Amino acid sequence: MKYFARIDRKQTGPLSLTELVEAGVRPSTYVWCKGMADWQRAEDVPEICRAMRRVLAGCDPATGRPAGISDPAAESGMEKVPREVLERITFHSLTDSPFERDCSQQPRGVSIVLAVILTILCFAPTGVMAIFFAYKTRADWNQSLSPELSQDEVRFWQRKAHNDARLYRMMIGITICMSMFIIGFALMTAF
């Protein structure tokens, strides 16, 4: 499949997956190919994301084979194994994540009340950050529920809400750890 890309404010293409990566396509670059309703960010096109992961793993973006290996069966001594099975066994774990994060459900475990309590009782600087991310999680999720958004925009806001929830949980953990550190330090200096 050939793609067109908007790189440095110019439309280039058609480009293969290998040519896209070589042309400097980033996750935020807009791309289009036949069958797409509109231009999409490269990070929202699974085939391009897969090609970029393959390049990061040192593999060919189109085939997923490690660079320099033309025939995986010959390299491994497994000539009798069907090619499709060999490719799945050898290269799937390097290039394709079977654990794509599902962002279609509202993030759970995010509580502004807990963040406020920990801010008051524990460590205020990171507690305030936890309050901020709890608020952002709720606001981003509510934005994703807007009826006038396209499907891509809904996914963007859902993913943003889940990222904010992850940052919220990180700030809660840091707040608790910092309070334990301060209490331990105070006890050590008191004795």
N, C-alpha and C. Protein backbone atom coordinates (compact mmCIF):
# COMPACT_ATOMS: atom_id res chain seq x y z
N MET A 1 0.84 -1.17 0.00
CA MET A 1 0.00 0.00 0.00
C MET A 1 0.89 1.23 0.00
N LYS A 2 0.51 2.24 -0.75
CA LYS A 2 1.27 3.48 -0.86
C LYS A 2 0.56 4.59 -0.09
N TYR A 3 1.36 5.42 0.57
CA TYR A 3 0.84 6.50 1.40
C TYR A 3 1.32 7.85 0.89
N PHE A 4 0.52 8.86 1.16
CA PHE A 4 0.93 10.25 0.97
C PHE A 4 1.14 10.81 2.36
N ALA A 5 2.10 11.72 2.51
CA ALA A 5 2.39 12.30 3.81
C ALA A 5 2.60 13.80 3.67
N ARG A 6 2.25 14.52 4.73
CA ARG A 6 2.51 15.96 4.80
C ARG A 6 3.75 16.16 5.67
N ILE A 7 4.90 16.35 5.02
CA ILE A 7 6.17 16.51 5.72
C ILE A 7 6.69 17.90 5.42
N ASP A 8 7.02 18.64 6.47
CA ASP A 8 7.51 20.02 6.33
C ASP A 8 6.58 20.86 5.46
N ARG A 9 5.29 20.74 5.71
CA ARG A 9 4.24 21.52 5.03
C ARG A 9 4.13 21.22 3.54
N LYS A 10 4.71 20.10 3.09
CA LYS A 10 4.60 19.71 1.69
C LYS A 10 4.03 18.30 1.62
N GLN A 11 3.20 18.07 0.63
CA GLN A 11 2.65 16.74 0.42
C GLN A 11 3.64 15.93 -0.41
N THR A 12 4.02 14.76 0.09
CA THR A 12 4.91 13.86 -0.64
C THR A 12 4.25 12.52 -0.82
N GLY A 13 4.64 11.81 -1.85
CA GLY A 13 4.08 10.48 -2.05
C GLY A 13 3.76 10.23 -3.50
N PRO A 14 3.33 9.08 -3.81
CA PRO A 14 3.06 7.93 -2.93
C PRO A 14 4.35 7.28 -2.45
N LEU A 15 4.34 6.83 -1.20
CA LEU A 15 5.50 6.23 -0.57
C LEU A 15 5.14 4.88 0.03
N SER A 16 6.06 3.93 -0.06
CA SER A 16 5.87 2.64 0.61
C SER A 16 6.16 2.84 2.09
N LEU A 17 5.94 1.80 2.90
CA LEU A 17 6.22 1.91 4.33
C LEU A 17 7.69 2.22 4.59
N THR A 18 8.58 1.56 3.86
CA THR A 18 10.01 1.81 4.02
C THR A 18 10.34 3.25 3.66
N GLU A 19 9.78 3.74 2.56
CA GLU A 19 10.04 5.11 2.13
C GLU A 19 9.45 6.13 3.11
N LEU A 20 8.30 5.79 3.73
CA LEU A 20 7.71 6.68 4.73
C LEU A 20 8.66 6.88 5.91
N VAL A 21 9.19 5.78 6.41
CA VAL A 21 10.09 5.86 7.55
C VAL A 21 11.36 6.63 7.17
N GLU A 22 11.89 6.35 5.99
CA GLU A 22 13.10 7.03 5.53
C GLU A 22 12.85 8.52 5.28
N ALA A 23 11.62 8.89 4.92
CA ALA A 23 11.29 10.28 4.63
C ALA A 23 11.17 11.12 5.90
N GLY A 24 11.18 10.48 7.05
CA GLY A 24 11.13 11.22 8.31
C GLY A 24 9.74 11.39 8.88
N VAL A 25 8.84 10.46 8.60
CA VAL A 25 7.49 10.53 9.14
C VAL A 25 7.56 10.32 10.65
N ARG A 26 6.89 11.16 11.38
CA ARG A 26 6.81 11.09 12.84
C ARG A 26 5.39 10.68 13.22
N PRO A 27 5.17 10.29 14.48
CA PRO A 27 3.81 9.92 14.89
C PRO A 27 2.78 11.02 14.66
N SER A 28 3.19 12.28 14.73
CA SER A 28 2.26 13.39 14.56
C SER A 28 2.08 13.81 13.10
N THR A 29 2.82 13.18 12.17
CA THR A 29 2.72 13.50 10.75
C THR A 29 1.38 13.00 10.20
N TYR A 30 0.74 13.81 9.38
CA TYR A 30 -0.52 13.41 8.76
C TYR A 30 -0.24 12.60 7.50
N VAL A 31 -0.96 11.47 7.36
CA VAL A 31 -0.80 10.58 6.21
C VAL A 31 -2.17 10.25 5.63
N TRP A 32 -2.16 9.80 4.38
CA TRP A 32 -3.39 9.40 3.71
C TRP A 32 -3.06 8.32 2.70
N CYS A 33 -3.98 7.38 2.54
CA CYS A 33 -3.85 6.38 1.47
C CYS A 33 -5.25 6.07 0.97
N LYS A 34 -5.30 5.37 -0.14
CA LYS A 34 -6.58 5.00 -0.73
C LYS A 34 -7.38 4.19 0.27
N GLY A 35 -8.63 4.57 0.44
CA GLY A 35 -9.51 3.89 1.40
C GLY A 35 -9.74 4.68 2.68
N MET A 36 -8.89 5.68 2.93
CA MET A 36 -9.07 6.52 4.12
C MET A 36 -10.03 7.65 3.78
N ALA A 37 -10.91 7.96 4.71
CA ALA A 37 -11.87 9.03 4.49
C ALA A 37 -11.20 10.40 4.53
N ASP A 38 -10.16 10.54 5.37
CA ASP A 38 -9.50 11.83 5.54
C ASP A 38 -8.07 11.57 5.99
N TRP A 39 -7.27 12.62 6.05
CA TRP A 39 -5.90 12.51 6.54
C TRP A 39 -5.93 12.12 8.01
N GLN A 40 -5.00 11.26 8.41
CA GLN A 40 -4.91 10.83 9.80
C GLN A 40 -3.47 10.96 10.25
N ARG A 41 -3.30 11.09 11.57
CA ARG A 41 -1.94 11.09 12.12
C ARG A 41 -1.34 9.69 11.95
N ALA A 42 -0.06 9.63 11.73
CA ALA A 42 0.62 8.35 11.54
C ALA A 42 0.43 7.44 12.75
N GLU A 43 0.36 8.02 13.95
CA GLU A 43 0.19 7.22 15.17
C GLU A 43 -1.18 6.54 15.23
N ASP A 44 -2.12 6.98 14.42
CA ASP A 44 -3.45 6.38 14.41
C ASP A 44 -3.62 5.35 13.30
N VAL A 45 -2.57 5.11 12.52
CA VAL A 45 -2.63 4.13 11.43
C VAL A 45 -1.81 2.91 11.86
N PRO A 46 -2.47 1.79 12.18
CA PRO A 46 -1.77 0.63 12.74
C PRO A 46 -0.60 0.14 11.87
N GLU A 47 -0.77 0.13 10.57
CA GLU A 47 0.29 -0.38 9.69
C GLU A 47 1.55 0.48 9.78
N ILE A 48 1.39 1.79 9.89
CA ILE A 48 2.55 2.68 10.00
C ILE A 48 3.19 2.55 11.38
N CYS A 49 2.37 2.43 12.42
CA CYS A 49 2.91 2.23 13.77
C CYS A 49 3.73 0.95 13.83
N ARG A 50 3.20 -0.11 13.21
CA ARG A 50 3.91 -1.39 13.16
C ARG A 50 5.25 -1.23 12.44
N ALA A 51 5.27 -0.49 11.33
CA ALA A 51 6.51 -0.28 10.58
C ALA A 51 7.52 0.50 11.43
N MET A 52 7.05 1.49 12.17
CA MET A 52 7.96 2.28 13.01
C MET A 52 8.52 1.43 14.15
N ARG A 53 7.68 0.58 14.74
CA ARG A 53 8.18 -0.32 15.79
C ARG A 53 9.21 -1.28 15.23
N ARG A 54 8.98 -1.75 14.02
CA ARG A 54 9.95 -2.65 13.39
C ARG A 54 11.29 -1.97 13.20
N VAL A 55 11.28 -0.72 12.76
CA VAL A 55 12.53 0.02 12.56
C VAL A 55 13.24 0.18 13.90
N LEU A 56 12.49 0.52 14.96
CA LEU A 56 13.11 0.67 16.28
C LEU A 56 13.70 -0.64 16.78
N ALA A 57 13.13 -1.77 16.35
CA ALA A 57 13.64 -3.08 16.75
C ALA A 57 14.79 -3.53 15.86
N GLY A 58 15.17 -2.70 14.86
CA GLY A 58 16.26 -3.05 13.97
C GLY A 58 15.84 -3.96 12.84
N CYS A 59 14.55 -3.95 12.51
CA CYS A 59 14.03 -4.83 11.46
C CYS A 59 13.63 -4.01 10.23
N ASP A 60 13.40 -4.72 9.14
CA ASP A 60 12.92 -4.09 7.92
C ASP A 60 11.48 -3.65 8.16
N PRO A 61 11.11 -2.39 7.84
CA PRO A 61 9.76 -1.90 8.14
C PRO A 61 8.65 -2.64 7.39
N ALA A 62 8.92 -3.14 6.20
CA ALA A 62 7.87 -3.79 5.41
C ALA A 62 7.69 -5.25 5.79
N THR A 63 8.80 -5.99 6.00
CA THR A 63 8.70 -7.44 6.24
C THR A 63 8.78 -7.80 7.71
N GLY A 64 9.46 -6.97 8.49
CA GLY A 64 9.63 -7.28 9.91
C GLY A 64 10.82 -8.18 10.19
N ARG A 65 11.57 -8.51 9.16
CA ARG A 65 12.75 -9.37 9.35
C ARG A 65 13.93 -8.52 9.82
N PRO A 66 14.77 -9.11 10.68
CA PRO A 66 15.95 -8.37 11.09
C PRO A 66 16.80 -7.99 9.89
N ALA A 67 17.44 -6.84 9.98
CA ALA A 67 18.24 -6.33 8.87
C ALA A 67 19.34 -7.33 8.52
N GLY A 68 19.50 -7.60 7.23
CA GLY A 68 20.55 -8.49 6.76
C GLY A 68 20.14 -9.94 6.62
N ILE A 69 18.96 -10.32 7.10
CA ILE A 69 18.52 -11.71 6.97
C ILE A 69 17.52 -11.79 5.83
N SER A 70 17.88 -12.50 4.79
CA SER A 70 16.99 -12.60 3.64
C SER A 70 16.01 -13.75 3.80
N ASP A 71 16.45 -14.85 4.35
CA ASP A 71 15.57 -16.01 4.52
C ASP A 71 15.70 -16.52 5.95
N PRO A 72 14.72 -16.29 6.80
CA PRO A 72 14.83 -16.70 8.21
C PRO A 72 15.00 -18.19 8.39
N ALA A 73 14.40 -19.01 7.50
CA ALA A 73 14.52 -20.47 7.63
C ALA A 73 15.96 -20.90 7.42
N ALA A 74 16.63 -20.34 6.43
CA ALA A 74 18.02 -20.70 6.16
C ALA A 74 18.93 -20.28 7.31
N GLU A 75 18.65 -19.13 7.91
CA GLU A 75 19.47 -18.63 9.00
C GLU A 75 19.33 -19.47 10.26
N SER A 76 18.15 -20.01 10.50
CA SER A 76 17.90 -20.72 11.74
C SER A 76 18.01 -22.23 11.62
N GLY A 77 18.13 -22.75 10.41
CA GLY A 77 18.20 -24.19 10.21
C GLY A 77 16.84 -24.86 10.30
N MET A 78 15.77 -24.11 10.17
CA MET A 78 14.42 -24.65 10.29
C MET A 78 13.74 -24.67 8.92
N GLU A 79 14.36 -25.33 7.94
CA GLU A 79 13.86 -25.30 6.57
C GLU A 79 12.50 -25.95 6.41
N LYS A 80 12.13 -26.90 7.29
CA LYS A 80 10.88 -27.64 7.12
C LYS A 80 9.67 -26.97 7.77
N VAL A 81 9.89 -25.93 8.54
CA VAL A 81 8.80 -25.21 9.20
C VAL A 81 8.16 -24.27 8.17
N PRO A 82 6.82 -24.31 8.05
CA PRO A 82 6.17 -23.41 7.09
C PRO A 82 6.57 -21.95 7.36
N ARG A 83 6.77 -21.21 6.29
CA ARG A 83 7.26 -19.83 6.37
C ARG A 83 6.36 -18.95 7.25
N GLU A 84 5.02 -19.10 7.13
CA GLU A 84 4.10 -18.26 7.91
C GLU A 84 4.28 -18.51 9.41
N VAL A 85 4.44 -19.77 9.79
CA VAL A 85 4.62 -20.11 11.20
C VAL A 85 5.96 -19.56 11.69
N LEU A 86 7.00 -19.73 10.90
CA LEU A 86 8.32 -19.25 11.28
C LEU A 86 8.34 -17.74 11.47
N GLU A 87 7.68 -17.01 10.56
CA GLU A 87 7.65 -15.56 10.69
C GLU A 87 6.91 -15.13 11.94
N ARG A 88 5.80 -15.81 12.26
CA ARG A 88 5.06 -15.47 13.48
C ARG A 88 5.90 -15.73 14.72
N ILE A 89 6.56 -16.87 14.76
CA ILE A 89 7.36 -17.24 15.93
C ILE A 89 8.56 -16.32 16.07
N THR A 90 9.26 -16.09 14.98
CA THR A 90 10.53 -15.37 15.03
C THR A 90 10.36 -13.88 15.18
N PHE A 91 9.43 -13.28 14.45
CA PHE A 91 9.42 -11.83 14.36
C PHE A 91 8.23 -11.16 15.02
N HIS A 92 7.18 -11.88 15.33
CA HIS A 92 5.99 -11.24 15.89
C HIS A 92 6.29 -10.55 17.21
N SER A 93 7.05 -11.20 18.08
CA SER A 93 7.30 -10.62 19.39
C SER A 93 8.15 -9.36 19.33
N LEU A 94 8.96 -9.22 18.27
CA LEU A 94 9.79 -8.02 18.14
C LEU A 94 9.02 -6.82 17.62
N THR A 95 8.01 -7.07 16.82
CA THR A 95 7.44 -5.98 16.05
C THR A 95 6.00 -5.63 16.38
N ASP A 96 5.19 -6.56 16.77
CA ASP A 96 3.77 -6.30 16.97
C ASP A 96 3.39 -6.52 18.42
N SER A 97 2.81 -5.54 19.03
CA SER A 97 2.40 -5.66 20.41
C SER A 97 1.03 -6.31 20.48
N PRO A 98 0.93 -7.49 21.10
CA PRO A 98 -0.38 -8.10 21.24
C PRO A 98 -1.21 -7.44 22.34
N PHE A 99 -0.60 -6.54 23.10
CA PHE A 99 -1.27 -5.92 24.22
C PHE A 99 -1.58 -4.45 23.93
N GLU A 100 -2.37 -4.22 22.92
CA GLU A 100 -2.78 -2.85 22.62
C GLU A 100 -3.71 -2.39 23.75
N ARG A 101 -3.47 -1.22 24.27
CA ARG A 101 -4.25 -0.71 25.39
C ARG A 101 -5.65 -0.33 24.92
N ASP A 102 -6.65 -0.85 25.61
CA ASP A 102 -8.04 -0.52 25.29
C ASP A 102 -8.42 0.74 26.06
N CYS A 103 -8.69 1.79 25.32
CA CYS A 103 -9.03 3.07 25.94
C CYS A 103 -10.51 3.40 25.79
N SER A 104 -11.32 2.42 25.41
CA SER A 104 -12.72 2.70 25.14
C SER A 104 -13.57 2.78 26.42
N GLN A 105 -13.03 2.33 27.54
CA GLN A 105 -13.74 2.39 28.82
C GLN A 105 -13.19 3.55 29.65
N GLN A 106 -14.04 4.14 30.46
CA GLN A 106 -13.63 5.26 31.31
C GLN A 106 -12.54 4.79 32.28
N PRO A 107 -11.49 5.59 32.47
CA PRO A 107 -10.43 5.21 33.41
C PRO A 107 -10.99 5.04 34.82
N ARG A 108 -10.57 4.00 35.50
CA ARG A 108 -11.07 3.70 36.84
C ARG A 108 -10.00 4.07 37.87
N GLY A 109 -10.44 4.27 39.09
CA GLY A 109 -9.52 4.51 40.20
C GLY A 109 -8.98 5.92 40.29
N VAL A 110 -9.63 6.87 39.65
CA VAL A 110 -9.19 8.26 39.70
C VAL A 110 -10.16 9.02 40.60
N SER A 111 -9.63 9.56 41.71
CA SER A 111 -10.49 10.22 42.68
C SER A 111 -9.88 11.56 43.09
N ILE A 112 -10.60 12.62 42.83
CA ILE A 112 -10.15 13.95 43.24
C ILE A 112 -10.15 14.03 44.77
N VAL A 113 -11.11 13.39 45.41
CA VAL A 113 -11.21 13.42 46.87
C VAL A 113 -9.96 12.80 47.50
N LEU A 114 -9.54 11.64 47.00
CA LEU A 114 -8.33 11.00 47.52
C LEU A 114 -7.12 11.90 47.32
N ALA A 115 -7.03 12.53 46.17
CA ALA A 115 -5.90 13.42 45.89
C ALA A 115 -5.89 14.60 46.86
N VAL A 116 -7.05 15.16 47.16
CA VAL A 116 -7.13 16.29 48.10
C VAL A 116 -6.71 15.83 49.50
N ILE A 117 -7.19 14.68 49.93
CA ILE A 117 -6.84 14.16 51.26
C ILE A 117 -5.33 13.94 51.36
N LEU A 118 -4.74 13.32 50.33
CA LEU A 118 -3.30 13.08 50.36
C LEU A 118 -2.51 14.37 50.28
N THR A 119 -3.04 15.37 49.60
CA THR A 119 -2.37 16.67 49.54
C THR A 119 -2.32 17.30 50.92
N ILE A 120 -3.42 17.20 51.65
CA ILE A 120 -3.49 17.80 52.99
C ILE A 120 -2.65 17.01 53.99
N LEU A 121 -2.73 15.67 53.95
CA LEU A 121 -2.09 14.84 54.97
C LEU A 121 -0.65 14.43 54.64
N CYS A 122 -0.30 14.40 53.37
CA CYS A 122 1.00 13.83 53.00
C CYS A 122 1.96 14.88 52.47
N PHE A 123 2.09 14.95 51.17
CA PHE A 123 3.10 15.81 50.54
C PHE A 123 2.41 16.69 49.52
N ALA A 124 2.30 17.97 49.82
CA ALA A 124 1.47 18.89 49.04
C ALA A 124 1.90 19.07 47.58
N PRO A 125 3.19 19.23 47.25
CA PRO A 125 3.53 19.51 45.84
C PRO A 125 3.04 18.43 44.87
N THR A 126 3.31 17.18 45.17
CA THR A 126 2.85 16.12 44.25
C THR A 126 1.37 15.84 44.44
N GLY A 127 0.83 16.13 45.60
CA GLY A 127 -0.60 15.99 45.81
C GLY A 127 -1.39 16.95 44.92
N VAL A 128 -0.89 18.17 44.80
CA VAL A 128 -1.54 19.15 43.92
C VAL A 128 -1.49 18.67 42.48
N MET A 129 -0.37 18.07 42.08
CA MET A 129 -0.26 17.52 40.72
C MET A 129 -1.28 16.38 40.53
N ALA A 130 -1.46 15.56 41.57
CA ALA A 130 -2.44 14.48 41.48
C ALA A 130 -3.85 15.04 41.32
N ILE A 131 -4.17 16.13 42.04
CA ILE A 131 -5.48 16.78 41.88
C ILE A 131 -5.64 17.26 40.44
N PHE A 132 -4.60 17.89 39.90
CA PHE A 132 -4.65 18.40 38.53
C PHE A 132 -4.92 17.26 37.54
N PHE A 133 -4.18 16.15 37.66
CA PHE A 133 -4.36 15.05 36.71
C PHE A 133 -5.71 14.34 36.89
N ALA A 134 -6.23 14.32 38.13
CA ALA A 134 -7.56 13.76 38.34
C ALA A 134 -8.61 14.61 37.61
N TYR A 135 -8.46 15.92 37.73
CA TYR A 135 -9.37 16.84 37.04
C TYR A 135 -9.24 16.68 35.53
N LYS A 136 -8.00 16.64 35.01
CA LYS A 136 -7.77 16.50 33.57
C LYS A 136 -8.34 15.19 33.05
N THR A 137 -8.23 14.11 33.82
CA THR A 137 -8.77 12.83 33.40
C THR A 137 -10.27 12.94 33.19
N ARG A 138 -10.94 13.52 34.16
CA ARG A 138 -12.40 13.69 34.06
C ARG A 138 -12.78 14.60 32.89
N ALA A 139 -12.06 15.72 32.75
CA ALA A 139 -12.37 16.68 31.68
C ALA A 139 -12.14 16.07 30.30
N ASP A 140 -11.03 15.34 30.14
CA ASP A 140 -10.74 14.72 28.83
C ASP A 140 -11.75 13.64 28.50
N TRP A 141 -12.16 12.86 29.51
CA TRP A 141 -13.15 11.82 29.24
C TRP A 141 -14.49 12.45 28.84
N ASN A 142 -14.88 13.50 29.55
CA ASN A 142 -16.13 14.19 29.19
C ASN A 142 -16.05 14.79 27.79
N GLN A 143 -14.88 15.27 27.41
CA GLN A 143 -14.70 15.80 26.05
C GLN A 143 -14.89 14.69 25.01
N SER A 144 -14.45 13.47 25.34
CA SER A 144 -14.59 12.36 24.39
C SER A 144 -16.05 11.96 24.18
N LEU A 145 -16.93 12.36 25.08
CA LEU A 145 -18.34 12.02 24.97
C LEU A 145 -19.13 13.01 24.13
N SER A 146 -18.46 14.05 23.64
CA SER A 146 -19.13 15.07 22.84
C SER A 146 -19.65 14.45 21.54
N PRO A 147 -20.93 14.68 21.20
CA PRO A 147 -21.52 14.01 20.03
C PRO A 147 -21.02 14.52 18.69
N GLU A 148 -20.45 15.71 18.62
CA GLU A 148 -20.02 16.24 17.33
C GLU A 148 -18.60 15.83 16.94
N LEU A 149 -17.93 15.01 17.74
CA LEU A 149 -16.56 14.58 17.43
C LEU A 149 -16.55 13.42 16.45
N SER A 150 -15.51 13.38 15.63
CA SER A 150 -15.32 12.24 14.74
C SER A 150 -14.78 11.07 15.57
N GLN A 151 -14.76 9.89 14.98
CA GLN A 151 -14.28 8.70 15.68
C GLN A 151 -12.80 8.86 16.08
N ASP A 152 -11.99 9.46 15.22
CA ASP A 152 -10.58 9.67 15.53
C ASP A 152 -10.41 10.64 16.69
N GLU A 153 -11.24 11.68 16.72
CA GLU A 153 -11.16 12.65 17.81
C GLU A 153 -11.62 12.02 19.14
N VAL A 154 -12.63 11.17 19.08
CA VAL A 154 -13.08 10.46 20.29
C VAL A 154 -11.95 9.60 20.83
N ARG A 155 -11.27 8.84 19.94
CA ARG A 155 -10.16 8.00 20.37
C ARG A 155 -9.02 8.85 20.95
N PHE A 156 -8.77 10.01 20.34
CA PHE A 156 -7.72 10.89 20.85
C PHE A 156 -8.02 11.31 22.28
N TRP A 157 -9.25 11.77 22.57
CA TRP A 157 -9.60 12.23 23.92
C TRP A 157 -9.64 11.07 24.91
N GLN A 158 -10.08 9.88 24.46
CA GLN A 158 -10.08 8.72 25.35
C GLN A 158 -8.64 8.34 25.73
N ARG A 159 -7.76 8.33 24.74
CA ARG A 159 -6.36 8.01 25.00
C ARG A 159 -5.74 9.06 25.93
N LYS A 160 -6.06 10.31 25.72
CA LYS A 160 -5.55 11.40 26.57
C LYS A 160 -6.04 11.22 28.01
N ALA A 161 -7.30 10.86 28.17
CA ALA A 161 -7.84 10.62 29.52
C ALA A 161 -7.10 9.48 30.21
N HIS A 162 -6.81 8.41 29.48
CA HIS A 162 -6.09 7.28 30.07
C HIS A 162 -4.65 7.66 30.41
N ASN A 163 -4.02 8.48 29.58
CA ASN A 163 -2.66 8.95 29.91
C ASN A 163 -2.67 9.83 31.14
N ASP A 164 -3.68 10.69 31.27
CA ASP A 164 -3.79 11.53 32.46
C ASP A 164 -4.05 10.69 33.71
N ALA A 165 -4.84 9.62 33.56
CA ALA A 165 -5.10 8.73 34.69
C ALA A 165 -3.81 8.03 35.13
N ARG A 166 -2.97 7.66 34.16
CA ARG A 166 -1.69 7.04 34.48
C ARG A 166 -0.81 8.03 35.26
N LEU A 167 -0.78 9.28 34.83
CA LEU A 167 0.00 10.30 35.53
C LEU A 167 -0.58 10.57 36.93
N TYR A 168 -1.90 10.52 37.05
CA TYR A 168 -2.55 10.67 38.36
C TYR A 168 -2.05 9.59 39.32
N ARG A 169 -2.08 8.33 38.85
CA ARG A 169 -1.65 7.22 39.71
C ARG A 169 -0.17 7.36 40.10
N MET A 170 0.63 7.84 39.16
CA MET A 170 2.05 8.04 39.45
C MET A 170 2.22 9.12 40.53
N MET A 171 1.48 10.22 40.43
CA MET A 171 1.59 11.29 41.42
C MET A 171 1.09 10.84 42.79
N ILE A 172 0.03 10.02 42.82
CA ILE A 172 -0.45 9.48 44.10
C ILE A 172 0.64 8.62 44.74
N GLY A 173 1.27 7.77 43.96
CA GLY A 173 2.36 6.93 44.49
C GLY A 173 3.52 7.75 45.01
N ILE A 174 3.91 8.78 44.25
CA ILE A 174 5.02 9.63 44.69
C ILE A 174 4.65 10.38 45.96
N THR A 175 3.40 10.84 46.05
CA THR A 175 2.94 11.56 47.24
C THR A 175 3.04 10.67 48.47
N ILE A 176 2.59 9.44 48.36
CA ILE A 176 2.65 8.51 49.49
C ILE A 176 4.11 8.20 49.85
N CYS A 177 4.94 7.94 48.86
CA CYS A 177 6.35 7.64 49.12
C CYS A 177 7.07 8.81 49.77
N MET A 178 6.81 10.01 49.28
CA MET A 178 7.45 11.18 49.86
C MET A 178 7.02 11.39 51.32
N SER A 179 5.75 11.15 51.62
CA SER A 179 5.31 11.32 53.01
C SER A 179 5.97 10.28 53.90
N MET A 180 6.14 9.06 53.40
CA MET A 180 6.81 8.02 54.19
C MET A 180 8.29 8.39 54.41
N PHE A 181 8.91 8.92 53.37
CA PHE A 181 10.30 9.34 53.48
C PHE A 181 10.45 10.46 54.53
N ILE A 182 9.56 11.44 54.49
CA ILE A 182 9.62 12.56 55.43
C ILE A 182 9.37 12.10 56.86
N ILE A 183 8.39 11.21 57.03
CA ILE A 183 8.10 10.68 58.37
C ILE A 183 9.31 9.89 58.88
N GLY A 184 9.90 9.06 58.03
CA GLY A 184 11.08 8.29 58.43
C GLY A 184 12.24 9.17 58.78
N PHE A 185 12.46 10.21 58.00
CA PHE A 185 13.54 11.15 58.27
C PHE A 185 13.30 11.88 59.59
N ALA A 186 12.05 12.28 59.84
CA ALA A 186 11.72 12.97 61.09
C ALA A 186 11.93 12.04 62.29
N LEU A 187 11.56 10.79 62.16
CA LEU A 187 11.77 9.83 63.26
C LEU A 187 13.25 9.59 63.52
N MET A 188 14.04 9.52 62.43
CA MET A 188 15.49 9.30 62.60
C MET A 188 16.15 10.47 63.29
N THR A 189 15.77 11.68 62.95
CA THR A 189 16.39 12.85 63.58
C THR A 189 15.89 13.09 65.00
N ALA A 190 14.70 12.57 65.32
CA ALA A 190 14.15 12.75 66.67
C ALA A 190 14.84 11.85 67.67
N PHE A 191 15.37 10.74 67.21
CA PHE A 191 16.02 9.80 68.14
C PHE A 191 17.49 9.93 67.99
